[in-house]
Amino acid sequence: VLMPQLDWDATINSIREALPQTQFQNWIKPLTLIRCDDESVVLGVPSRFHEEWLRNHYSSQLSHAIRKQCGSDLQ
């Protein structure tokens, strides 16, 4: 089984271009890629608040950027 490779740097760079620099630095840059398999991407976040804020404000940008890199929809 070929696992999709997620180029995390390329993923966040595509988001960087779409967001004001301050928003990117505060919300996207602190994320870390923990693992990626054929169904999901697991990201590390600094705090529960950060996670909630991302879910509410940036989930579509993150999903779109990941889909662009992997070629498929991942959770």
Protein backbone atom coordinates (compact mmCIF):
# COMPACT_ATOMS: atom_id res chain seq x y z
CA VAL A 1 0.00 0.00 0.00
CA LEU A 2 1.43 3.32 -1.04
CA MET A 3 1.03 5.86 1.72
CA PRO A 4 0.35 9.40 0.60
CA GLN A 5 3.30 11.60 1.36
CA LEU A 6 2.34 14.93 2.80
CA ASP A 7 4.89 17.65 2.19
CA TRP A 8 4.05 19.66 5.29
CA ASP A 9 6.28 22.61 4.37
CA ALA A 10 4.59 22.91 0.99
CA THR A 11 1.18 22.58 2.66
CA ILE A 12 1.74 25.40 5.12
CA ASN A 13 3.45 27.53 2.48
CA SER A 14 0.29 27.36 0.37
CA ILE A 15 -1.68 28.60 3.40
CA ARG A 16 0.93 31.29 4.10
CA GLU A 17 0.17 32.86 0.73
CA ALA A 18 -3.55 33.05 1.53
CA LEU A 19 -3.34 34.59 5.01
CA PRO A 20 -2.10 37.84 6.49
CA GLN A 21 1.38 37.27 7.93
CA THR A 22 0.29 37.82 11.54
CA GLN A 23 -2.49 35.23 11.31
CA PHE A 24 -0.13 32.75 9.70
CA GLN A 25 2.55 33.27 12.38
CA ASN A 26 0.04 32.98 15.22
CA TRP A 27 -2.10 30.08 14.07
CA ILE A 28 -0.53 28.01 11.29
CA LYS A 29 3.21 28.18 11.87
CA PRO A 30 3.05 26.55 15.36
CA LEU A 31 1.40 23.41 13.95
CA THR A 32 3.48 20.27 13.64
CA LEU A 33 2.82 17.22 11.51
CA ILE A 34 2.69 14.20 13.81
CA ARG A 35 1.69 11.59 11.28
CA CYS A 36 -0.07 11.07 7.99
CA ASP A 37 -1.63 7.87 6.69
CA ASP A 38 -4.04 7.05 3.89
CA GLU A 39 -7.06 8.26 5.88
CA SER A 40 -5.96 11.07 8.13
CA VAL A 41 -3.44 13.69 9.08
CA VAL A 42 -2.58 14.22 12.74
CA LEU A 43 -1.33 17.66 13.67
CA GLY A 44 0.24 18.85 16.88
CA VAL A 45 -1.12 22.08 18.37
CA PRO A 46 0.22 24.18 21.24
CA SER A 47 -3.03 24.12 23.26
CA ARG A 48 -6.69 23.10 23.38
CA PHE A 49 -7.64 26.72 22.69
CA HIS A 50 -5.41 26.73 19.62
CA GLU A 51 -7.06 23.53 18.39
CA GLU A 52 -10.57 24.95 18.83
CA TRP A 53 -9.63 28.20 17.09
CA LEU A 54 -8.17 26.27 14.14
CA ARG A 55 -11.29 24.09 13.88
CA ASN A 56 -13.54 27.15 13.88
CA HIS A 57 -11.51 29.48 11.66
CA TYR A 58 -8.99 27.60 9.54
CA SER A 59 -10.26 24.05 9.03
CA SER A 60 -11.30 24.67 5.42
CA GLN A 61 -7.94 26.25 4.52
CA LEU A 62 -6.07 23.37 6.15
CA SER A 63 -8.25 20.74 4.45
CA HIS A 64 -7.86 22.41 1.08
CA ALA A 65 -4.09 22.74 1.41
CA ILE A 66 -3.73 19.10 2.49
CA ARG A 67 -5.98 17.92 -0.36
CA LYS A 68 -3.85 19.94 -2.80
CA GLN A 69 -0.69 18.20 -1.55
CA CYS A 70 -2.04 14.65 -1.19
CA GLY A 71 -4.58 14.60 -3.97
CA SER A 72 -7.24 13.22 -1.64
CA ASP A 73 -9.47 14.23 1.23
CA LEU A 74 -8.02 13.24 4.60
CA GLN A 75 -9.55 13.68 8.04
